[in-house]
Protein backbone atom coordinates (compact mmCIF):
# COMPACT_ATOMS: atom_id res chain seq x y z
CA MET A 1 31.46 -18.80 17.06
CA ALA A 2 29.27 -19.35 19.99
CA LEU A 3 25.49 -18.86 19.68
CA ALA A 4 23.63 -15.85 21.19
CA GLN A 5 22.10 -17.31 24.68
CA GLU A 6 18.69 -16.48 25.29
CA LYS A 7 18.07 -14.58 28.62
CA LEU A 8 16.54 -16.78 31.47
CA TYR A 9 13.93 -14.90 33.51
CA THR A 10 13.44 -15.03 36.94
CA ILE A 11 10.72 -14.24 39.69
CA ASP A 12 12.77 -10.81 40.46
CA ASP A 13 11.93 -9.88 36.96
CA ILE A 14 8.27 -10.53 37.48
CA TYR A 15 8.36 -8.33 40.70
CA ALA A 16 10.35 -5.75 38.64
CA LEU A 17 7.33 -5.26 36.04
CA PRO A 18 5.86 -1.54 35.76
CA ASP A 19 2.74 -1.24 37.92
CA GLY A 20 -0.20 -2.55 36.08
CA GLU A 21 1.71 -5.20 33.80
CA ARG A 22 1.12 -8.88 34.44
CA ALA A 23 3.16 -11.54 33.27
CA GLU A 24 3.82 -15.35 33.99
CA LEU A 25 7.21 -17.17 34.09
CA ILE A 26 7.49 -20.53 32.79
CA ASP A 27 11.02 -22.55 33.07
CA GLY A 28 12.60 -18.80 32.57
CA GLU A 29 10.53 -17.66 29.83
CA LEU A 30 8.25 -14.70 30.30
CA TYR A 31 4.90 -14.53 29.23
CA MET A 32 3.03 -11.14 29.16
CA MET A 33 -0.78 -11.45 30.06
CA SER A 34 -3.54 -9.27 28.75
CA PRO A 35 -6.36 -7.81 30.61
CA PRO A 36 -9.28 -10.50 31.11
CA GLY A 37 -12.46 -9.64 29.66
CA THR A 38 -16.06 -9.17 30.65
CA THR A 39 -16.95 -12.85 30.12
CA HIS A 40 -13.92 -14.05 31.55
CA GLN A 41 -14.29 -11.97 34.84
CA ARG A 42 -18.02 -13.22 34.95
CA ILE A 43 -16.93 -16.86 34.96
CA VAL A 44 -14.09 -16.22 37.53
CA SER A 45 -16.59 -14.55 40.02
CA PHE A 46 -19.10 -17.46 39.35
CA LEU A 47 -16.55 -20.11 40.34
CA ASN A 48 -15.16 -18.20 43.00
CA ARG A 49 -18.47 -17.93 44.79
CA THR A 50 -19.68 -21.34 44.05
CA ILE A 51 -16.52 -23.36 45.09
CA GLY A 52 -15.98 -21.03 48.11
CA ASN A 53 -19.51 -21.65 49.08
CA TYR A 54 -18.95 -25.28 49.06
CA ILE A 55 -15.95 -25.23 50.91
CA GLN A 56 -17.63 -23.12 53.49
CA GLU A 57 -20.64 -25.28 53.67
CA GLN A 58 -18.49 -28.35 54.10
CA ASN A 59 -16.07 -26.53 56.81
CA GLY A 60 -13.49 -27.79 54.14
CA ASP A 61 -9.82 -27.57 54.74
CA CYS A 62 -9.16 -25.97 51.26
CA GLU A 63 -9.05 -22.28 50.35
CA ILE A 64 -9.84 -20.65 47.08
CA PHE A 65 -7.87 -17.94 45.60
CA PRO A 66 -8.96 -16.17 42.24
CA ALA A 67 -6.23 -14.22 40.16
CA PRO A 68 -4.13 -12.52 40.62
CA PHE A 69 -2.70 -14.98 43.21
CA ALA A 70 0.90 -16.01 42.75
CA VAL A 71 1.83 -19.55 42.34
CA PHE A 72 5.48 -20.41 42.62
CA LEU A 73 4.82 -23.96 41.01
CA ASN A 74 8.27 -25.57 40.96
CA ASN A 75 9.61 -23.73 44.12
CA ASP A 76 12.39 -22.59 41.90
CA GLU A 77 12.95 -18.80 40.41
CA TYR A 78 12.22 -19.66 37.12
CA THR A 79 8.52 -20.49 37.09
CA TYR A 80 5.89 -18.31 38.41
CA VAL A 81 2.05 -18.69 37.35
CA GLU A 82 -1.29 -16.84 38.08
CA PRO A 83 -4.22 -19.34 37.52
CA ASP A 84 -7.48 -17.86 37.22
CA ILE A 85 -8.53 -20.05 39.84
CA SER A 86 -6.43 -21.85 42.61
CA VAL A 87 -7.67 -24.20 45.19
CA VAL A 88 -5.13 -25.17 47.91
CA CYS A 89 -6.03 -27.61 50.43
CA ASP A 90 -2.26 -28.11 52.12
CA LYS A 91 -2.06 -24.83 54.15
CA SER A 92 1.68 -25.35 54.54
CA LYS A 93 2.04 -24.26 51.07
CA LEU A 94 0.67 -20.96 51.66
CA ASP A 95 2.52 -17.83 52.82
CA GLU A 96 1.90 -14.29 52.43
CA LYS A 97 3.50 -14.31 48.70
CA GLY A 98 1.12 -17.03 47.64
CA CYS A 99 1.48 -20.72 47.12
CA ASN A 100 4.66 -22.52 46.98
CA GLY A 101 4.16 -25.74 45.30
CA ALA A 102 1.09 -27.32 43.44
CA PRO A 103 -2.35 -26.08 44.23
CA ASP A 104 -4.72 -29.11 44.22
CA TRP A 105 -7.16 -27.58 41.88
CA VAL A 106 -6.43 -25.03 38.87
CA ILE A 107 -8.95 -23.59 36.76
CA GLU A 108 -7.95 -21.71 33.54
CA ILE A 109 -10.54 -19.45 31.61
CA VAL A 110 -9.26 -19.55 27.76
CA SER A 111 -9.08 -16.26 26.19
CA PRO A 112 -7.91 -15.66 22.44
CA SER A 113 -4.31 -14.53 23.74
CA SER A 114 -3.96 -17.75 26.12
CA LYS A 115 -4.92 -20.80 24.19
CA ARG A 116 -1.69 -22.19 23.50
CA MET A 117 -0.76 -21.44 27.25
CA ASP A 118 -3.76 -22.95 28.66
CA TYR A 119 -4.21 -26.12 26.49
CA PHE A 120 -0.45 -27.19 26.32
CA ILE A 121 2.30 -25.58 27.92
CA LYS A 122 0.37 -24.81 31.51
CA MET A 123 -1.17 -28.28 31.35
CA GLU A 124 1.84 -29.91 31.27
CA LYS A 125 3.55 -27.63 33.74
CA TYR A 126 0.40 -28.35 36.14
CA ARG A 127 0.42 -32.30 35.76
CA ARG A 128 4.23 -32.43 36.33
CA ALA A 129 4.16 -30.20 39.13
CA GLY A 130 1.56 -32.40 41.15
CA VAL A 131 -1.85 -30.42 40.65
CA ARG A 132 -4.46 -33.20 41.22
CA GLU A 133 -7.06 -31.50 39.04
CA TYR A 134 -6.93 -29.06 35.99
CA TRP A 135 -9.94 -27.49 34.28
CA ILE A 136 -9.73 -25.60 30.96
CA VAL A 137 -12.87 -23.17 30.82
CA ASP A 138 -13.46 -22.37 26.92
CA ALA A 139 -16.30 -20.05 26.77
CA ALA A 140 -15.92 -19.57 23.14
CA LYS A 141 -16.67 -23.30 22.65
CA GLY A 142 -18.88 -23.65 25.76
CA ASN A 143 -16.76 -26.47 26.78
CA VAL A 144 -14.79 -27.51 29.93
CA PHE A 145 -11.98 -29.75 29.71
CA VAL A 146 -11.49 -31.67 32.88
CA TYR A 147 -7.99 -33.16 33.46
CA ASP A 148 -7.97 -35.48 36.66
CA PHE A 149 -4.48 -36.14 36.79
CA GLU A 150 -4.66 -38.25 39.91
CA ASN A 151 -6.63 -40.95 38.09
CA ASP A 152 -5.20 -40.37 34.41
CA ASP A 153 -8.58 -39.33 33.23
CA ILE A 154 -9.74 -36.46 30.82
CA ASN A 155 -13.44 -35.52 30.28
CA THR A 156 -15.03 -33.05 28.30
CA TYR A 157 -18.04 -31.23 29.57
CA GLY A 158 -20.71 -28.74 27.99
CA PHE A 159 -21.76 -25.40 30.15
CA GLU A 160 -25.17 -27.10 30.71
CA ASP A 161 -23.74 -30.11 32.27
CA GLN A 162 -23.10 -30.87 35.81
CA ILE A 163 -19.56 -31.12 35.77
CA PRO A 164 -18.29 -33.17 38.92
CA VAL A 165 -15.28 -32.12 40.84
CA ASN A 166 -12.85 -35.12 41.28
CA ILE A 167 -10.89 -33.81 44.19
CA TYR A 168 -14.12 -33.75 46.16
CA ASP A 169 -15.12 -37.52 44.90
CA GLY A 170 -18.04 -35.82 42.87
CA ASP A 171 -19.62 -34.53 45.74
CA LEU A 172 -19.52 -31.09 44.20
CA LYS A 173 -20.87 -30.64 40.56
CA ILE A 174 -20.92 -27.31 38.78
CA LYS A 175 -22.85 -26.00 36.00
CA LEU A 176 -21.65 -23.34 34.27
CA LYS A 177 -24.66 -21.90 32.21
CA THR A 178 -26.52 -20.19 35.01
CA GLU A 179 -29.65 -19.21 33.02
């Protein structure tokens, strides 16, 4: 007797979701997303302004995109993610639908429902897809975990620390505690 086969979801299933529902798709598995909380949105807004201002002041080639922003990570129909922050430096990856391939820098802000995804599943997917730098911002712990995939390095910072951005050779440093 054959085992029942689990359904593999595709990007078409993402686009078929009812209005207001959001999900991510990783290797054909669908992960529903909860609405973000106030702290999460404050952090996203702060990072979007800080990074965007830096890029503009430096006349940089990169662009920043806060969620919801579609990232077709593997350029296939089975993986679709919406990182909280995506920084894309190769404009050839961008089209009207989003980013086709790995952003250079991805930031995820952990929520209670996303811990397993952010710390394990997405971290490995981002590394394998070619993301250069991945930050996990954990407001509950007051920590930022910085994965510098290019140099095979991991560092942990507190919100009060000046956190160097590796894709900018440390020229940009971000302190999340703004008080």
